[in-house]
Every structure is written in C-alpha cells, then in structure tokens.
C-alpha atoms as a PDB file:
ATOM      1  CA  MET A   1     -65.653 -39.194 -32.228  1.00  0.00           C
ATOM      2  CA  ARG A   2     -66.223 -38.634 -28.714  1.00  0.00           C
ATOM      3  CA  ARG A   3     -69.403 -38.940 -27.027  1.00  0.00           C
ATOM      4  CA  ILE A   4     -70.548 -37.347 -23.496  1.00  0.00           C
ATOM      5  CA  ARG A   5     -73.624 -38.072 -21.409  1.00  0.00           C
ATOM      6  CA  LEU A   6     -75.947 -35.168 -20.616  1.00  0.00           C
ATOM      7  CA  GLY A   7     -76.070 -35.181 -16.709  1.00  0.00           C
ATOM      8  CA  SER A   8     -78.038 -37.516 -15.808  1.00  0.00           C
ATOM      9  CA  SER A   9     -79.868 -38.428 -19.084  1.00  0.00           C
ATOM     10  CA  ALA A  10     -79.224 -41.192 -21.118  1.00  0.00           C
ATOM     11  CA  VAL A  11     -78.857 -39.102 -23.899  1.00  0.00           C
ATOM     12  CA  GLU A  12     -75.150 -38.903 -25.206  1.00  0.00           C
ATOM     13  CA  ILE A  13     -73.991 -36.310 -27.676  1.00  0.00           C
ATOM     14  CA  THR A  14     -70.813 -36.112 -29.655  1.00  0.00           C
ATOM     15  CA  GLU A  15     -68.190 -33.379 -28.929  1.00  0.00           C
ATOM     16  CA  LEU A  16     -69.094 -31.969 -32.520  1.00  0.00           C
ATOM     17  CA  SER A  17     -72.630 -31.211 -33.424  1.00  0.00           C
ATOM     18  CA  PHE A  18     -74.533 -30.117 -36.688  1.00  0.00           C
ATOM     19  CA  GLY A  19     -76.314 -26.940 -35.922  1.00  0.00           C
ATOM     20  CA  ALA A  20     -78.810 -27.284 -38.624  1.00  0.00           C
ATOM     21  CA  ALA A  21     -80.372 -23.321 -39.086  1.00  0.00           C
ATOM     22  CA  ALA A  22     -78.150 -22.624 -42.213  1.00  0.00           C
ATOM     23  CA  ILE A  23     -80.127 -25.940 -44.151  1.00  0.00           C
ATOM     24  CA  GLY A  24     -83.542 -23.844 -43.264  1.00  0.00           C
ATOM     25  CA  ASN A  25     -82.209 -20.908 -45.065  1.00  0.00           C
ATOM     26  CA  LEU A  26     -80.748 -19.215 -42.922  1.00  0.00           C
ATOM     27  CA  PHE A  27     -80.160 -15.892 -44.781  1.00  0.00           C
ATOM     28  CA  THR A  28     -79.478 -17.294 -48.293  1.00  0.00           C
ATOM     29  CA  ALA A  29     -81.073 -20.123 -49.778  1.00  0.00           C
ATOM     30  CA  VAL A  30     -79.963 -23.614 -49.625  1.00  0.00           C
ATOM     31  CA  ASP A  31     -80.616 -26.581 -52.499  1.00  0.00           C
ATOM     32  CA  PRO A  32     -82.443 -29.362 -51.369  1.00  0.00           C
ATOM     33  CA  GLY A  33     -79.697 -31.634 -52.445  1.00  0.00           C
ATOM     34  CA  GLN A  34     -77.117 -29.541 -50.692  1.00  0.00           C
ATOM     35  CA  ALA A  35     -78.821 -29.499 -47.997  1.00  0.00           C
ATOM     36  CA  ALA A  36     -79.096 -33.698 -47.627  1.00  0.00           C
ATOM     37  CA  ALA A  37     -75.334 -33.931 -48.536  1.00  0.00           C
ATOM     38  CA  ALA A  38     -74.587 -31.861 -45.632  1.00  0.00           C
ATOM     39  CA  VAL A  39     -75.866 -34.083 -43.380  1.00  0.00           C
ATOM     40  CA  ASP A  40     -74.584 -36.820 -45.201  1.00  0.00           C
ATOM     41  CA  ALA A  41     -70.961 -35.202 -44.756  1.00  0.00           C
ATOM     42  CA  ALA A  42     -71.390 -35.035 -40.886  1.00  0.00           C
ATOM     43  CA  TRP A  43     -72.509 -38.536 -40.761  1.00  0.00           C
ATOM     44  CA  ASP A  44     -69.781 -39.852 -42.892  1.00  0.00           C
ATOM     45  CA  GLU A  45     -67.495 -37.515 -39.930  1.00  0.00           C
ATOM     46  CA  GLY A  46     -68.548 -38.971 -37.219  1.00  0.00           C
ATOM     47  CA  VAL A  47     -71.322 -36.418 -36.030  1.00  0.00           C
ATOM     48  CA  ARG A  48     -74.217 -38.217 -34.437  1.00  0.00           C
ATOM     49  CA  TYR A  49     -75.666 -35.050 -32.763  1.00  0.00           C
ATOM     50  CA  PHE A  50     -77.758 -32.937 -34.875  1.00  0.00           C
ATOM     51  CA  ASP A  51     -79.704 -29.692 -33.815  1.00  0.00           C
ATOM     52  CA  THR A  52     -82.604 -28.119 -35.346  1.00  0.00           C
ATOM     53  CA  ALA A  53     -85.680 -26.042 -33.829  1.00  0.00           C
ATOM     54  CA  PRO A  54     -89.425 -24.456 -35.710  1.00  0.00           C
ATOM     55  CA  HIS A  55     -88.166 -20.890 -35.891  1.00  0.00           C
ATOM     56  CA  TYR A  56     -85.180 -22.155 -38.561  1.00  0.00           C
ATOM     57  CA  GLY A  57     -86.887 -21.564 -41.773  1.00  0.00           C
ATOM     58  CA  LEU A  58     -89.998 -22.088 -40.677  1.00  0.00           C
ATOM     59  CA  GLY A  59     -90.096 -25.794 -40.492  1.00  0.00           C
ATOM     60  CA  LEU A  60     -88.019 -26.203 -43.410  1.00  0.00           C
ATOM     61  CA  SER A  61     -84.690 -27.265 -41.326  1.00  0.00           C
ATOM     62  CA  GLU A  62     -86.693 -29.572 -39.496  1.00  0.00           C
ATOM     63  CA  ARG A  63     -88.248 -31.286 -42.663  1.00  0.00           C
ATOM     64  CA  ARG A  64     -84.820 -31.495 -44.213  1.00  0.00           C
ATOM     65  CA  LEU A  65     -83.136 -33.057 -40.989  1.00  0.00           C
ATOM     66  CA  GLY A  66     -85.649 -35.555 -40.609  1.00  0.00           C
ATOM     67  CA  ASP A  67     -85.702 -36.151 -44.497  1.00  0.00           C
ATOM     68  CA  ALA A  68     -81.849 -36.484 -44.422  1.00  0.00           C
ATOM     69  CA  LEU A  69     -81.693 -38.978 -40.946  1.00  0.00           C
ATOM     70  CA  ARG A  70     -85.282 -41.100 -42.393  1.00  0.00           C
ATOM     71  CA  ASP A  71     -82.876 -44.428 -43.362  1.00  0.00           C
ATOM     72  CA  ARG A  72     -80.235 -43.886 -40.085  1.00  0.00           C
ATOM     73  CA  PRO A  73     -80.484 -46.257 -37.181  1.00  0.00           C
ATOM     74  CA  ARG A  74     -82.553 -44.432 -34.556  1.00  0.00           C
ATOM     75  CA  ASP A  75     -80.578 -45.674 -31.309  1.00  0.00           C
ATOM     76  CA  ALA A  76     -77.600 -44.134 -33.334  1.00  0.00           C
ATOM     77  CA  TYR A  77     -77.707 -40.454 -33.375  1.00  0.00           C
ATOM     78  CA  ALA A  78     -79.513 -37.475 -31.003  1.00  0.00           C
ATOM     79  CA  VAL A  79     -81.362 -34.871 -32.267  1.00  0.00           C
ATOM     80  CA  SER A  80     -82.540 -32.079 -30.714  1.00  0.00           C
ATOM     81  CA  THR A  81     -85.588 -29.158 -31.646  1.00  0.00           C
ATOM     82  CA  LYS A  82     -86.663 -26.723 -29.265  1.00  0.00           C
ATOM     83  CA  ALA A  83     -90.030 -25.005 -28.053  1.00  0.00           C
ATOM     84  CA  GLY A  84     -91.342 -20.977 -27.539  1.00  0.00           C
ATOM     85  CA  ARG A  85     -92.458 -20.456 -30.929  1.00  0.00           C
ATOM     86  CA  LEU A  86     -95.753 -21.950 -32.926  1.00  0.00           C
ATOM     87  CA  LEU A  87     -95.863 -21.504 -36.440  1.00  0.00           C
ATOM     88  CA  GLU A  88     -99.376 -20.516 -37.111  1.00  0.00           C
ATOM     89  CA  PRO A  89    -100.244 -20.308 -40.971  1.00  0.00           C
ATOM     90  CA  LEU A  90    -100.986 -16.531 -42.201  1.00  0.00           C
ATOM     91  CA  PRO A  91    -104.382 -15.993 -44.465  1.00  0.00           C
ATOM     92  CA  PRO A  92    -102.750 -16.023 -48.124  1.00  0.00           C
ATOM     93  CA  ALA A  93    -103.488 -11.951 -48.373  1.00  0.00           C
ATOM     94  CA  GLU A  94    -100.961 -11.640 -45.648  1.00  0.00           C
ATOM     95  CA  ALA A  95     -98.622 -13.916 -46.559  1.00  0.00           C
ATOM     96  CA  GLU A  96     -98.705 -12.221 -50.013  1.00  0.00           C
ATOM     97  CA  ALA A  97     -97.573  -8.657 -48.028  1.00  0.00           C
ATOM     98  CA  HIS A  98     -94.230  -9.834 -47.109  1.00  0.00           C
ATOM     99  CA  ASP A  99     -91.424 -10.249 -49.339  1.00  0.00           C
ATOM    100  CA  GLY A 100     -87.893 -10.695 -48.255  1.00  0.00           C
ATOM    101  CA  LEU A 101     -86.336 -12.792 -45.326  1.00  0.00           C
ATOM    102  CA  SER A 102     -88.822 -13.703 -42.727  1.00  0.00           C
ATOM    103  CA  ASP A 103     -87.199 -13.479 -39.325  1.00  0.00           C
ATOM    104  CA  GLY A 104     -83.601 -14.129 -41.190  1.00  0.00           C
ATOM    105  CA  PHE A 105     -84.854 -16.748 -42.691  1.00  0.00           C
ATOM    106  CA  ALA A 106     -84.919 -17.016 -47.059  1.00  0.00           C
ATOM    107  CA  VAL A 107     -88.293 -19.241 -46.889  1.00  0.00           C
ATOM    108  CA  PRO A 108     -91.788 -18.198 -47.964  1.00  0.00           C
ATOM    109  CA  HIS A 109     -93.779 -15.844 -45.324  1.00  0.00           C
ATOM    110  CA  THR A 110     -96.427 -19.250 -44.759  1.00  0.00           C
ATOM    111  CA  HIS A 111     -96.728 -18.898 -41.332  1.00  0.00           C
ATOM    112  CA  ARG A 112     -95.925 -16.440 -38.239  1.00  0.00           C
ATOM    113  CA  ARG A 113     -93.829 -17.865 -35.163  1.00  0.00           C
ATOM    114  CA  ARG A 114     -96.289 -16.806 -31.749  1.00  0.00           C
ATOM    115  CA  TRP A 115     -94.076 -16.648 -28.474  1.00  0.00           C
ATOM    116  CA  ASP A 116     -95.835 -19.607 -25.984  1.00  0.00           C
ATOM    117  CA  PHE A 117     -93.907 -20.831 -23.545  1.00  0.00           C
ATOM    118  CA  SER A 118     -97.655 -22.223 -21.799  1.00  0.00           C
ATOM    119  CA  ALA A 119     -97.617 -25.588 -21.026  1.00  0.00           C
ATOM    120  CA  ASP A 120     -99.933 -26.417 -23.746  1.00  0.00           C
ATOM    121  CA  GLY A 121     -98.056 -24.591 -26.023  1.00  0.00           C
ATOM    122  CA  VAL A 122     -95.160 -26.355 -25.372  1.00  0.00           C
ATOM    123  CA  ARG A 123     -96.351 -29.486 -26.112  1.00  0.00           C
ATOM    124  CA  ARG A 124     -97.908 -28.538 -29.261  1.00  0.00           C
ATOM    125  CA  SER A 125     -94.480 -27.544 -30.337  1.00  0.00           C
ATOM    126  CA  ILE A 126     -92.991 -30.743 -29.850  1.00  0.00           C
ATOM    127  CA  GLU A 127     -95.616 -32.777 -31.252  1.00  0.00           C
ATOM    128  CA  ASP A 128     -95.766 -30.307 -34.417  1.00  0.00           C
ATOM    129  CA  SER A 129     -92.215 -30.529 -34.291  1.00  0.00           C
ATOM    130  CA  LEU A 130     -91.878 -34.929 -34.406  1.00  0.00           C
ATOM    131  CA  GLY A 131     -94.156 -34.123 -37.523  1.00  0.00           C
ATOM    132  CA  ARG A 132     -91.766 -32.580 -39.278  1.00  0.00           C
ATOM    133  CA  LEU A 133     -89.102 -34.377 -38.234  1.00  0.00           C
ATOM    134  CA  GLY A 134     -91.201 -37.723 -38.813  1.00  0.00           C
ATOM    135  CA  LEU A 135     -90.394 -39.351 -35.304  1.00  0.00           C
ATOM    136  CA  ASP A 136     -92.220 -40.620 -32.549  1.00  0.00           C
ATOM    137  CA  ARG A 137     -89.425 -38.984 -29.825  1.00  0.00           C
ATOM    138  CA  VAL A 138     -86.805 -36.248 -29.594  1.00  0.00           C
ATOM    139  CA  ASP A 139     -83.541 -36.742 -27.193  1.00  0.00           C
ATOM    140  CA  ILE A 140     -83.489 -33.167 -26.607  1.00  0.00           C
ATOM    141  CA  VAL A 141     -85.560 -30.293 -26.267  1.00  0.00           C
ATOM    142  CA  TYR A 142     -84.284 -26.990 -24.879  1.00  0.00           C
ATOM    143  CA  LEU A 143     -86.813 -23.953 -24.186  1.00  0.00           C
ATOM    144  CA  HIS A 144     -85.862 -21.649 -27.241  1.00  0.00           C
ATOM    145  CA  ASP A 145     -84.882 -17.652 -26.320  1.00  0.00           C
ATOM    146  CA  PRO A 146     -87.029 -17.237 -23.084  1.00  0.00           C
ATOM    147  CA  ASP A 147     -85.351 -14.100 -22.456  1.00  0.00           C
ATOM    148  CA  ASP A 148     -88.488 -11.517 -22.498  1.00  0.00           C
ATOM    149  CA  HIS A 149     -90.690 -14.456 -21.454  1.00  0.00           C
ATOM    150  CA  GLY A 150     -89.076 -15.964 -18.096  1.00  0.00           C
ATOM    151  CA  GLU A 151     -91.337 -16.250 -15.972  1.00  0.00           C
ATOM    152  CA  ALA A 152     -93.759 -18.040 -18.138  1.00  0.00           C
ATOM    153  CA  ALA A 153     -90.706 -20.120 -19.249  1.00  0.00           C
ATOM    154  CA  PHE A 154     -90.050 -21.460 -15.607  1.00  0.00           C
ATOM    155  CA  ARG A 155     -93.575 -21.340 -14.281  1.00  0.00           C
ATOM    156  CA  GLU A 156     -95.408 -23.119 -17.424  1.00  0.00           C
ATOM    157  CA  GLY A 157     -92.422 -24.379 -20.215  1.00  0.00           C
ATOM    158  CA  TYR A 158     -90.138 -26.482 -17.917  1.00  0.00           C
ATOM    159  CA  PRO A 159     -92.833 -27.983 -15.971  1.00  0.00           C
ATOM    160  CA  ALA A 160     -94.277 -28.999 -19.063  1.00  0.00           C
ATOM    161  CA  LEU A 161     -91.004 -30.612 -20.371  1.00  0.00           C
ATOM    162  CA  GLU A 162     -90.685 -32.302 -17.229  1.00  0.00           C
ATOM    163  CA  LYS A 163     -93.868 -34.145 -18.165  1.00  0.00           C
ATOM    164  CA  LEU A 164     -92.651 -34.943 -21.550  1.00  0.00           C
ATOM    165  CA  ARG A 165     -89.585 -36.271 -19.839  1.00  0.00           C
ATOM    166  CA  ALA A 166     -91.172 -38.322 -17.899  1.00  0.00           C
ATOM    167  CA  GLU A 167     -93.355 -39.559 -20.403  1.00  0.00           C
ATOM    168  CA  GLY A 168     -90.576 -40.557 -22.469  1.00  0.00           C
ATOM    169  CA  MET A 169     -91.538 -38.314 -25.607  1.00  0.00           C
ATOM    170  CA  VAL A 170     -88.084 -36.452 -24.539  1.00  0.00           C
ATOM    171  CA  GLY A 171     -84.704 -37.502 -23.459  1.00  0.00           C
ATOM    172  CA  ALA A 172     -83.291 -34.608 -21.546  1.00  0.00           C
ATOM    173  CA  ILE A 173     -84.733 -31.280 -21.281  1.00  0.00           C
ATOM    174  CA  GLY A 174     -82.664 -28.010 -21.036  1.00  0.00           C
ATOM    175  CA  VAL A 175     -82.843 -24.570 -22.554  1.00  0.00           C
ATOM    176  CA  GLY A 176     -81.106 -22.622 -24.953  1.00  0.00           C
ATOM    177  CA  MET A 177     -80.220 -18.907 -25.252  1.00  0.00           C
ATOM    178  CA  ASN A 178     -77.279 -15.960 -26.080  1.00  0.00           C
ATOM    179  CA  GLN A 179     -77.209 -15.047 -22.506  1.00  0.00           C
ATOM    180  CA  THR A 180     -75.473 -16.203 -19.853  1.00  0.00           C
ATOM    181  CA  ALA A 181     -78.020 -15.027 -16.440  1.00  0.00           C
ATOM    182  CA  MET A 182     -81.054 -16.704 -17.208  1.00  0.00           C
ATOM    183  CA  LEU A 183     -78.744 -19.637 -18.516  1.00  0.00           C
ATOM    184  CA  THR A 184     -77.696 -20.216 -14.807  1.00  0.00           C
ATOM    185  CA  ARG A 185     -80.970 -19.530 -13.211  1.00  0.00           C
ATOM    186  CA  PHE A 186     -82.305 -22.340 -15.034  1.00  0.00           C
ATOM    187  CA  LEU A 187     -79.347 -24.520 -13.654  1.00  0.00           C
ATOM    188  CA  ARG A 188     -80.127 -23.450 -10.158  1.00  0.00           C
ATOM    189  CA  GLU A 189     -84.003 -23.388 -10.221  1.00  0.00           C
ATOM    190  CA  THR A 190     -84.735 -26.783 -11.759  1.00  0.00           C
ATOM    191  CA  ASP A 191     -83.472 -30.256 -12.975  1.00  0.00           C
ATOM    192  CA  VAL A 192     -82.448 -29.522 -16.605  1.00  0.00           C
ATOM    193  CA  ASP A 193     -80.218 -31.485 -17.851  1.00  0.00           C
ATOM    194  CA  VAL A 194     -78.381 -29.335 -20.805  1.00  0.00           C
ATOM    195  CA  VAL A 195     -78.072 -25.758 -21.735  1.00  0.00           C
ATOM    196  CA  LEU A 196     -77.057 -24.440 -24.781  1.00  0.00           C
ATOM    197  CA  CYS A 197     -75.103 -21.091 -24.548  1.00  0.00           C
ATOM    198  CA  ALA A 198     -74.730 -19.628 -27.927  1.00  0.00           C
ATOM    199  CA  GLY A 199     -71.672 -17.030 -28.396  1.00  0.00           C
ATOM    200  CA  ARG A 200     -70.351 -16.331 -24.852  1.00  0.00           C
ATOM    201  CA  PHE A 201     -68.005 -18.875 -23.943  1.00  0.00           C
ATOM    202  CA  THR A 202     -65.674 -18.064 -26.996  1.00  0.00           C
ATOM    203  CA  LEU A 203     -61.905 -16.960 -27.542  1.00  0.00           C
ATOM    204  CA  LEU A 204     -63.343 -13.613 -27.816  1.00  0.00           C
ATOM    205  CA  ASP A 205     -65.959 -13.596 -24.989  1.00  0.00           C
ATOM    206  CA  HIS A 206     -65.394 -15.846 -21.741  1.00  0.00           C
ATOM    207  CA  SER A 207     -68.524 -14.419 -19.344  1.00  0.00           C
ATOM    208  CA  ALA A 208     -69.644 -18.061 -19.625  1.00  0.00           C
ATOM    209  CA  LEU A 209     -66.852 -18.628 -16.895  1.00  0.00           C
ATOM    210  CA  ASP A 210     -68.033 -16.009 -14.447  1.00  0.00           C
ATOM    211  CA  GLU A 211     -71.066 -18.419 -13.312  1.00  0.00           C
ATOM    212  CA  LEU A 212     -73.002 -20.803 -15.701  1.00  0.00           C
ATOM    213  CA  LEU A 213     -69.955 -22.861 -16.231  1.00  0.00           C
ATOM    214  CA  PRO A 214     -68.689 -23.276 -12.376  1.00  0.00           C
ATOM    215  CA  GLU A 215     -72.724 -23.960 -11.706  1.00  0.00           C
ATOM    216  CA  ALA A 216     -72.991 -26.589 -14.246  1.00  0.00           C
ATOM    217  CA  ALA A 217     -69.672 -28.513 -13.424  1.00  0.00           C
ATOM    218  CA  ALA A 218     -71.070 -28.213  -9.737  1.00  0.00           C
ATOM    219  CA  ARG A 219     -74.410 -29.495 -10.605  1.00  0.00           C
ATOM    220  CA  GLY A 220     -73.190 -32.110 -13.022  1.00  0.00           C
ATOM    221  CA  ARG A 221     -75.300 -30.816 -16.111  1.00  0.00           C
ATOM    222  CA  GLY A 222     -74.007 -30.921 -19.610  1.00  0.00           C
ATOM    223  CA  VAL A 223     -73.264 -27.110 -21.592  1.00  0.00           C
ATOM    224  CA  VAL A 224     -73.688 -27.253 -25.274  1.00  0.00           C
ATOM    225  CA  VAL A 225     -71.545 -24.357 -27.226  1.00  0.00           C
ATOM    226  CA  GLY A 226     -72.954 -22.726 -30.032  1.00  0.00           C
ATOM    227  CA  GLY A 227     -71.423 -19.713 -32.085  1.00  0.00           C
ATOM    228  CA  VAL A 228     -67.907 -20.529 -31.055  1.00  0.00           C
ATOM    229  CA  PHE A 229     -66.875 -18.670 -34.137  1.00  0.00           C
ATOM    230  CA  ASN A 230     -68.742 -15.546 -32.933  1.00  0.00           C
ATOM    231  CA  SER A 231     -70.737 -15.028 -36.169  1.00  0.00           C
ATOM    232  CA  GLY A 232     -67.886 -15.048 -38.496  1.00  0.00           C
ATOM    233  CA  LEU A 233     -65.155 -12.930 -36.598  1.00  0.00           C
ATOM    234  CA  LEU A 234     -62.992 -15.832 -35.291  1.00  0.00           C
ATOM    235  CA  ALA A 235     -63.486 -17.590 -38.387  1.00  0.00           C
ATOM    236  CA  ASP A 236     -62.102 -14.848 -40.763  1.00  0.00           C
ATOM    237  CA  PRO A 237     -60.776 -11.682 -39.161  1.00  0.00           C
ATOM    238  CA  ARG A 238     -61.021  -8.768 -41.639  1.00  0.00           C
ATOM    239  CA  PRO A 239     -62.296  -5.667 -41.819  1.00  0.00           C
ATOM    240  CA  GLY A 240     -66.098  -5.713 -42.454  1.00  0.00           C
ATOM    241  CA  ALA A 241     -66.160  -9.403 -40.577  1.00  0.00           C
ATOM    242  CA  THR A 242     -69.109  -9.822 -37.949  1.00  0.00           C
ATOM    243  CA  TYR A 243     -69.483 -10.634 -34.646  1.00  0.00           C
ATOM    244  CA  ASP A 244     -72.537 -11.579 -33.070  1.00  0.00           C
ATOM    245  CA  TYR A 245     -74.603 -10.403 -36.690  1.00  0.00           C
ATOM    246  CA  ALA A 246     -72.963  -7.071 -36.719  1.00  0.00           C
ATOM    247  CA  ALA A 247     -69.993  -4.944 -37.964  1.00  0.00           C
ATOM    248  CA  ALA A 248     -67.414  -6.161 -35.812  1.00  0.00           C
ATOM    249  CA  PRO A 249     -66.109  -3.653 -34.040  1.00  0.00           C
ATOM    250  CA  ALA A 250     -62.164  -2.166 -34.295  1.00  0.00           C
ATOM    251  CA  PRO A 251     -60.732  -3.327 -30.877  1.00  0.00           C
ATOM    252  CA  LEU A 252     -62.633  -6.844 -31.559  1.00  0.00           C
ATOM    253  CA  LEU A 253     -61.126  -7.309 -34.912  1.00  0.00           C
ATOM    254  CA  ASP A 254     -57.505  -6.079 -33.568  1.00  0.00           C
ATOM    255  CA  ARG A 255     -57.900  -8.853 -30.999  1.00  0.00           C
ATOM    256  CA  ALA A 256     -59.287 -11.350 -33.285  1.00  0.00           C
ATOM    257  CA  LEU A 257     -56.145 -11.179 -35.380  1.00  0.00           C
ATOM    258  CA  ARG A 258     -53.779 -10.653 -32.041  1.00  0.00           C
ATOM    259  CA  ILE A 259     -55.317 -14.310 -31.335  1.00  0.00           C
ATOM    260  CA  ARG A 260     -54.885 -15.478 -34.446  1.00  0.00           C
ATOM    261  CA  ALA A 261     -51.147 -14.930 -34.367  1.00  0.00           C
ATOM    262  CA  VAL A 262     -50.920 -16.345 -31.620  1.00  0.00           C
ATOM    263  CA  ALA A 263     -52.779 -19.901 -33.026  1.00  0.00           C
ATOM    264  CA  GLU A 264     -50.469 -19.784 -36.195  1.00  0.00           C
ATOM    265  CA  GLY A 265     -47.561 -19.253 -34.258  1.00  0.00           C
ATOM    266  CA  HIS A 266     -47.682 -22.879 -32.922  1.00  0.00           C
ATOM    267  CA  GLY A 267     -49.162 -23.784 -36.254  1.00  0.00           C
ATOM    268  CA  VAL A 268     -52.776 -23.951 -35.325  1.00  0.00           C
ATOM    269  CA  PRO A 269     -55.304 -22.260 -37.453  1.00  0.00           C
ATOM    270  CA  LEU A 270     -58.083 -19.541 -36.100  1.00  0.00           C
ATOM    271  CA  ARG A 271     -60.529 -22.009 -36.371  1.00  0.00           C
ATOM    272  CA  ALA A 272     -59.037 -24.868 -35.076  1.00  0.00           C
ATOM    273  CA  ALA A 273     -58.806 -22.566 -31.584  1.00  0.00           C
ATOM    274  CA  ALA A 274     -62.104 -21.383 -31.413  1.00  0.00           C
ATOM    275  CA  LEU A 275     -63.255 -24.563 -31.662  1.00  0.00           C
ATOM    276  CA  HIS A 276     -60.556 -26.206 -29.331  1.00  0.00           C
ATOM    277  CA  TYR A 277     -61.386 -23.274 -26.653  1.00  0.00           C
ATOM    278  CA  PRO A 278     -64.615 -24.078 -25.002  1.00  0.00           C
ATOM    279  CA  LEU A 279     -64.041 -28.059 -24.927  1.00  0.00           C
ATOM    280  CA  GLY A 280     -61.162 -27.660 -22.577  1.00  0.00           C
ATOM    281  CA  HIS A 281     -63.816 -26.691 -19.911  1.00  0.00           C
ATOM    282  CA  PRO A 282     -65.145 -29.822 -17.835  1.00  0.00           C
ATOM    283  CA  ALA A 283     -69.152 -29.066 -17.981  1.00  0.00           C
ATOM    284  CA  VAL A 284     -68.857 -28.731 -21.724  1.00  0.00           C
ATOM    285  CA  ALA A 285     -70.455 -31.390 -23.465  1.00  0.00           C
ATOM    286  CA  GLY A 286     -69.774 -30.598 -27.296  1.00  0.00           C
ATOM    287  CA  VAL A 287     -69.436 -27.259 -29.751  1.00  0.00           C
ATOM    288  CA  LEU A 288     -72.357 -27.202 -32.109  1.00  0.00           C
ATOM    289  CA  VAL A 289     -71.465 -25.590 -35.707  1.00  0.00           C
ATOM    290  CA  GLY A 290     -74.006 -24.172 -38.429  1.00  0.00           C
ATOM    291  CA  THR A 291     -73.142 -25.389 -41.525  1.00  0.00           C
ATOM    292  CA  ARG A 292     -75.171 -25.447 -44.884  1.00  0.00           C
ATOM    293  CA  SER A 293     -72.709 -27.522 -47.468  1.00  0.00           C
ATOM    294  CA  PRO A 294     -70.585 -30.645 -47.025  1.00  0.00           C
ATOM    295  CA  GLU A 295     -67.068 -29.032 -47.558  1.00  0.00           C
ATOM    296  CA  GLU A 296     -67.896 -26.998 -44.059  1.00  0.00           C
ATOM    297  CA  VAL A 297     -68.967 -30.228 -42.594  1.00  0.00           C
ATOM    298  CA  ARG A 298     -65.445 -31.695 -43.507  1.00  0.00           C
ATOM    299  CA  ASP A 299     -63.693 -28.226 -42.454  1.00  0.00           C
ATOM    300  CA  ALA A 300     -65.449 -28.591 -38.999  1.00  0.00           C
ATOM    301  CA  ALA A 301     -64.514 -31.785 -38.442  1.00  0.00           C
ATOM    302  CA  ALA A 302     -60.522 -31.302 -40.001  1.00  0.00           C
ATOM    303  CA  GLN A 303     -60.248 -28.395 -37.779  1.00  0.00           C
ATOM    304  CA  LEU A 304     -61.212 -30.405 -34.448  1.00  0.00           C
ATOM    305  CA  ARG A 305     -58.511 -33.107 -35.075  1.00  0.00           C
ATOM    306  CA  ILE A 306     -56.028 -30.944 -35.180  1.00  0.00           C
ATOM    307  CA  PRO A 307     -53.965 -30.865 -31.969  1.00  0.00           C
ATOM    308  CA  VAL A 308     -53.587 -28.037 -29.736  1.00  0.00           C
ATOM    309  CA  PRO A 309     -50.719 -27.472 -27.400  1.00  0.00           C
ATOM    310  CA  ASP A 310     -51.384 -26.369 -24.076  1.00  0.00           C
ATOM    311  CA  ALA A 311     -48.415 -23.997 -24.572  1.00  0.00           C
ATOM    312  CA  LEU A 312     -50.699 -22.389 -27.288  1.00  0.00           C
ATOM    313  CA  TRP A 313     -53.491 -21.455 -24.542  1.00  0.00           C
ATOM    314  CA  ASP A 314     -50.332 -20.270 -22.325  1.00  0.00           C
ATOM    315  CA  ASP A 315     -49.180 -17.791 -24.513  1.00  0.00           C
ATOM    316  CA  LEU A 316     -52.972 -16.352 -25.470  1.00  0.00           C
ATOM    317  CA  ARG A 317     -52.942 -16.113 -21.346  1.00  0.00           C
ATOM    318  CA  ALA A 318     -49.683 -14.637 -21.190  1.00  0.00           C
ATOM    319  CA  GLU A 319     -50.716 -11.921 -23.709  1.00  0.00           C
ATOM    320  CA  GLY A 320     -53.908 -10.944 -21.822  1.00  0.00           C
ATOM    321  CA  LEU A 321     -55.994 -12.339 -24.591  1.00  0.00           C
ATOM    322  CA  LEU A 322     -58.011 -15.103 -22.493  1.00  0.00           C
END
C-alpha cells in the first residue's frame, strides 16, 4: 500500500488508515476478540497507520489498539493519538448515577472528560496515552477538536507539542477537527506537520477546497481526510441514512443517489468513489476509515483497490455534482 511522508517530518503513513474509534465501543459495544481481529485484518491488508484518542471509549480504544499492535515491529507502523481531553476518575457514587452512552461510547462511566489545552495538560494527556498504548513514543499527536478552546490551543497546546516533538516523544504534530477555518489558521500560523480534517472533503462536502487544501499544498503540509462517508450517507444512501450523525436531509439524500448512479454507470461502487475522491488532491496524504470488524476493514481495502476512471469525475462535474 502506498506510503506518504507527512510534511517535513520523518513520519510516513499509508493512504488507508485504521480509525480506532469504533473499537472503543462507538455507539455499540465491540467484542474484544473482534476488535483485535479488525486490527489484524488491517495489518494483513497492508494498513500501517492507526489512529486513536483518549476520548474514544474513555481510553478503551487506546488500550485495545496497543494490545493488538504489541507484537508488531515498532518501526513498521505509525500510531496517532490526540490531546485536549483529560480523563479524570469519577467518584463511585457519581459513576453509578450515570447510565446509557458516555459521550457516544458504550462504556462504563468511570471517568469524566475534561477539556485541557494547557501545556501541562497536553503533556499529561500524551503521557497517559503512552501508558494505555504501551508505547514509549507516538508518531503523531493531534490537538483534538479545539473549536471552543482556540486561543488556549494556539497559546499553550501547540507550543507544548513543538517541545514534545523536539524531545522525540512525538514524531509529527497536528490538529484534528470537523471544520476547516481553524485548521487553515493552524497551517498559516504554526509549524504543524499535518491536519486531520473530518467530513469536509467528501463527495458531498467540498469546503476544504476553498482554503484548507490550497494552503496545505502551498506549504508542503499533509492532510489526512476522515469521515469520507459523512457518517453513512455515502456508504449506503437510503431513507434514514445519516449525514454527520443526524438524519440526512432529503436534498442531500437525492444528491448522494445521483452520485451513486453516475459512479455505478462506470462500474464503480459509491463506497469506492467516496474513498478515492479525497486522494485525488496532492495535499491529501491518506484517508482514515473507522472500522469495527475484519469484514469492514477488508471491504475498505477492497474498495480502494477498485480503479476509478477519470471519466467518472468528469461526468460528476458535468452534472454539477462536483
């Protein structure tokens, strides 16, 4: 599988990466054996970049990913995690008072997530993550969703990442968000190696093309694109499908169905087109796909191997869909 270097760092990632939020019990529980098998399947398919975060299942994703990679050659793969939310133990009485999902994850409410983009908070977050992962270094760290904490992220969080990169605890540094404006600001005002942009460069949302991607290309920085299916609509467009984790509006569903018709007219499944589309931009280093089973991993890899003719993109543009 093709590998791309991130910015001026020494870190390389594969064009398809394993998003480990799902094995942290995103929305529904995942059996530990299935989680390990999903990571094994990714490895067998040539995936060598794995992304996680403390937020994902209150550390469960990091622990499961670390366990699954434990016996792999450390220099053969890249791991990214994130900083910005510290996990703090809850008193037993407070933990027992909660039920249902923990911020979208089917895990016991043993900890609270506390926003912290201070220098000390970022360092502590990474040290805690290394413990859960069972690693002595992490290849990439992203500041995680600093939307409402921008000034703290710029003033304290980012300089802390620079220091950790200089110390060798971190190989590459960046920011991960679901928006483009602040990511573009980070590209312009800091020395990040990479940004993780979720949901904003897909067949249905081209907003990253306005400023983010041109800025990254001009500065030689890497972009990892997540959310290529916009949480489901581009994987299986049908009534009731979700777009950015909410029910898809009728006009977007219609647009997705039209895109699917064009793609299938060229013999290309919609999922394959959705995976390939971001990789056509020179600033994009890879696509991150969240998977919870070996079958989902193998499907994503198979879709990426399907050739997509240039005529498909030409026809989408001709119909005003791109």
